[in-house]
Each structure stands twice: as structure tokens, then as C-alpha cells.
Amino acid sequence: MQRDKLWHSLSAIGLKGKLLKVIKGMYDNVTACVRTKDGKTYSFMCNIGLKQGCLASPKLFSLFINELVKYLHNYITVEQEEFNYSQVMTRYVPLCLPMTWL
């Protein structure tokens, strides 16, 4: 998930001010490493996605997906004649998945 899209979704549902700043602050300078059979890798920056194991992550993901569903529902309702599966896959799914997953 691209975090700027998450911030936009949270703002769209009325989450603003200090609470939004606190949530954004939780995602400043996020690093991770990978555990392998030989030990852990060096830490690297994570600029996309939500924190694994964070108690807020499922709720943030749910809020984002709810806004995405509303957006798609409006798009389908307004432009039914133009709607097709490939448009959704190419236009909207990349907003929430890293490009390496597509």
C-alpha cells in the first residue's frame, strides 16, 4: 500500500489534525530486516506498506480498503458502460500493492 494513498483515505473519512500527524509519525523512517537461516540481513527502509505486528495496522488497512471500495463503487455506478476488470486491475490495484506483486 502506498502510504500517501492511505493518508488521503484517512483524510477523506475526516481523520485530520494531531491524530493524523501521530499516525504519519509512526511511519516516518520505518526500517526492517529479513531473518534468514544465516541470521538477519542489514536493516533497510520500508517506504510502503503497514507495519507487521502493529496493533493499528489491521484497522488502518480496513479503513483504506473501505475507501477504495467506495471509490470503485462510485466509479462503477457512474461509468458502468466503461467498466471492465482490466481497468480495475491496472488503475486501482497498483494503489495498494507494491509493483513487484503485480
C-alpha atoms as a PDB file:
ATOM      1  CA  MET A   1       0.000   0.000   0.000  1.00  0.00           C
ATOM      2  CA  GLN A   2       1.333   3.398  -0.900  1.00  0.00           C
ATOM      3  CA  ARG A   3       1.210   5.480   2.251  1.00  0.00           C
ATOM      4  CA  ASP A   4       0.239   8.712   0.511  1.00  0.00           C
ATOM      5  CA  LYS A   5      -2.924   6.889  -0.635  1.00  0.00           C
ATOM      6  CA  LEU A   6      -3.537   5.801   2.970  1.00  0.00           C
ATOM      7  CA  TRP A   7      -3.140   9.382   4.233  1.00  0.00           C
ATOM      8  CA  HIS A   8      -5.594  10.544   1.559  1.00  0.00           C
ATOM      9  CA  SER A   9      -8.102   7.851   2.591  1.00  0.00           C
ATOM     10  CA  LEU A  10      -7.809   8.750   6.267  1.00  0.00           C
ATOM     11  CA  SER A  11      -8.279  12.406   5.457  1.00  0.00           C
ATOM     12  CA  ALA A  12     -11.329  11.573   3.314  1.00  0.00           C
ATOM     13  CA  ILE A  13     -13.056   9.959   6.300  1.00  0.00           C
ATOM     14  CA  GLY A  14     -12.369  13.001   8.443  1.00  0.00           C
ATOM     15  CA  LEU A  15      -9.199  11.992  10.251  1.00  0.00           C
ATOM     16  CA  LYS A  16      -7.159  15.182  10.455  1.00  0.00           C
ATOM     17  CA  GLY A  17      -5.017  17.215  12.776  1.00  0.00           C
ATOM     18  CA  LYS A  18      -2.933  15.782  15.576  1.00  0.00           C
ATOM     19  CA  LEU A  19      -4.225  12.217  15.275  1.00  0.00           C
ATOM     20  CA  LEU A  20      -3.299  12.029  11.595  1.00  0.00           C
ATOM     21  CA  LYS A  21       0.113  13.525  12.402  1.00  0.00           C
ATOM     22  CA  VAL A  22       0.663  10.885  15.084  1.00  0.00           C
ATOM     23  CA  ILE A  23      -0.230   8.073  12.674  1.00  0.00           C
ATOM     24  CA  LYS A  24       2.025   9.548   9.990  1.00  0.00           C
ATOM     25  CA  GLY A  25       4.772   9.853  12.595  1.00  0.00           C
ATOM     26  CA  MET A  26       4.508   6.129  13.306  1.00  0.00           C
ATOM     27  CA  TYR A  27       5.529   5.562   9.698  1.00  0.00           C
ATOM     28  CA  ASP A  28       8.439   8.006   9.471  1.00  0.00           C
ATOM     29  CA  ASN A  29      11.753   6.201   8.973  1.00  0.00           C
ATOM     30  CA  VAL A  30      10.398   2.654   9.140  1.00  0.00           C
ATOM     31  CA  THR A  31      13.130   0.054   8.776  1.00  0.00           C
ATOM     32  CA  ALA A  32      13.034  -3.708   8.536  1.00  0.00           C
ATOM     33  CA  CYS A  33      15.315  -6.672   8.126  1.00  0.00           C
ATOM     34  CA  VAL A  34      14.829 -10.209   6.920  1.00  0.00           C
ATOM     35  CA  ARG A  35      15.579 -13.252   9.045  1.00  0.00           C
ATOM     36  CA  THR A  36      17.350 -15.989   7.110  1.00  0.00           C
ATOM     37  CA  LYS A  37      18.919 -19.288   8.103  1.00  0.00           C
ATOM     38  CA  ASP A  38      22.239 -17.411   8.378  1.00  0.00           C
ATOM     39  CA  GLY A  39      20.862 -14.658  10.604  1.00  0.00           C
ATOM     40  CA  LYS A  40      19.323 -11.265   9.937  1.00  0.00           C
ATOM     41  CA  THR A  41      20.042  -9.051   6.959  1.00  0.00           C
ATOM     42  CA  TYR A  42      21.045  -5.426   7.269  1.00  0.00           C
ATOM     43  CA  SER A  43      18.190  -3.050   8.008  1.00  0.00           C
ATOM     44  CA  PHE A  44      16.601  -1.298   5.067  1.00  0.00           C
ATOM     45  CA  MET A  45      13.999   1.458   4.677  1.00  0.00           C
ATOM     46  CA  CYS A  46      10.360   0.475   4.124  1.00  0.00           C
ATOM     47  CA  ASN A  47       8.535   3.239   2.293  1.00  0.00           C
ATOM     48  CA  ILE A  48       5.377   1.281   1.504  1.00  0.00           C
ATOM     49  CA  GLY A  49       3.008  -0.934   3.400  1.00  0.00           C
ATOM     50  CA  LEU A  50       1.950  -1.138   7.007  1.00  0.00           C
ATOM     51  CA  LYS A  51       3.956  -2.334   9.980  1.00  0.00           C
ATOM     52  CA  GLN A  52       3.749  -6.065  10.500  1.00  0.00           C
ATOM     53  CA  GLY A  53       2.625  -6.873  14.014  1.00  0.00           C
ATOM     54  CA  CYS A  54       1.448  -3.325  14.802  1.00  0.00           C
ATOM     55  CA  LEU A  55      -1.955  -3.300  16.509  1.00  0.00           C
ATOM     56  CA  ALA A  56      -3.074  -0.346  14.375  1.00  0.00           C
ATOM     57  CA  SER A  57      -2.201  -1.972  11.030  1.00  0.00           C
ATOM     58  CA  PRO A  58      -5.375  -4.075  10.551  1.00  0.00           C
ATOM     59  CA  LYS A  59      -7.603  -1.076  11.307  1.00  0.00           C
ATOM     60  CA  LEU A  60      -5.620   1.224   9.000  1.00  0.00           C
ATOM     61  CA  PHE A  61      -5.805  -1.376   6.236  1.00  0.00           C
ATOM     62  CA  SER A  62      -9.545  -1.793   6.777  1.00  0.00           C
ATOM     63  CA  LEU A  63     -10.132   1.966   6.610  1.00  0.00           C
ATOM     64  CA  PHE A  64      -8.092   2.181   3.406  1.00  0.00           C
ATOM     65  CA  ILE A  65      -9.911  -0.724   1.755  1.00  0.00           C
ATOM     66  CA  ASN A  66     -13.312   0.686   2.743  1.00  0.00           C
ATOM     67  CA  GLU A  67     -12.477   3.951   0.994  1.00  0.00           C
ATOM     68  CA  LEU A  68     -11.163   2.065  -2.037  1.00  0.00           C
ATOM     69  CA  VAL A  69     -14.419   0.070  -2.244  1.00  0.00           C
ATOM     70  CA  LYS A  70     -16.477   3.280  -2.024  1.00  0.00           C
ATOM     71  CA  TYR A  71     -14.366   4.828  -4.765  1.00  0.00           C
ATOM     72  CA  LEU A  72     -14.725   1.794  -7.018  1.00  0.00           C
ATOM     73  CA  HIS A  73     -18.463   1.577  -6.319  1.00  0.00           C
ATOM     74  CA  ASN A  74     -18.898   5.204  -7.389  1.00  0.00           C
ATOM     75  CA  TYR A  75     -16.767   4.598 -10.464  1.00  0.00           C
ATOM     76  CA  ILE A  76     -18.748   1.516 -11.454  1.00  0.00           C
ATOM     77  CA  THR A  77     -22.087   3.230 -10.817  1.00  0.00           C
ATOM     78  CA  VAL A  78     -21.209   6.366 -12.770  1.00  0.00           C
ATOM     79  CA  GLU A  79     -19.322   4.747 -15.623  1.00  0.00           C
ATOM     80  CA  GLN A  80     -20.854   1.270 -15.906  1.00  0.00           C
ATOM     81  CA  GLU A  81     -20.512   1.134 -19.663  1.00  0.00           C
ATOM     82  CA  GLU A  82     -16.769   1.734 -19.437  1.00  0.00           C
ATOM     83  CA  PHE A  83     -16.116  -0.606 -16.512  1.00  0.00           C
ATOM     84  CA  ASN A  84     -14.159  -3.762 -17.037  1.00  0.00           C
ATOM     85  CA  TYR A  85     -11.923  -5.951 -14.907  1.00  0.00           C
ATOM     86  CA  SER A  86      -8.669  -4.957 -16.596  1.00  0.00           C
ATOM     87  CA  GLN A  87      -9.307  -1.273 -15.848  1.00  0.00           C
ATOM     88  CA  VAL A  88      -9.693  -2.018 -12.160  1.00  0.00           C
ATOM     89  CA  MET A  89      -6.536  -4.138 -12.158  1.00  0.00           C
ATOM     90  CA  THR A  90      -4.426  -1.548 -13.967  1.00  0.00           C
ATOM     91  CA  ARG A  91      -5.825   1.642 -12.409  1.00  0.00           C
ATOM     92  CA  TYR A  92      -6.694   0.837  -8.804  1.00  0.00           C
ATOM     93  CA  VAL A  93      -4.959  -2.289  -7.570  1.00  0.00           C
ATOM     94  CA  PRO A  94      -1.490  -0.709  -8.007  1.00  0.00           C
ATOM     95  CA  LEU A  95      -2.559   1.928  -5.475  1.00  0.00           C
ATOM     96  CA  CYS A  96      -2.446  -0.622  -2.685  1.00  0.00           C
ATOM     97  CA  LEU A  97       0.053  -3.261  -3.829  1.00  0.00           C
ATOM     98  CA  PRO A  98       3.747  -2.914  -4.500  1.00  0.00           C
ATOM     99  CA  MET A  99       4.515  -3.180  -8.204  1.00  0.00           C
ATOM    100  CA  THR A 100       6.526  -6.357  -7.595  1.00  0.00           C
ATOM    101  CA  TRP A 101       3.298  -8.162  -6.676  1.00  0.00           C
ATOM    102  CA  LEU A 102       1.574  -7.430  -9.990  1.00  0.00           C
END
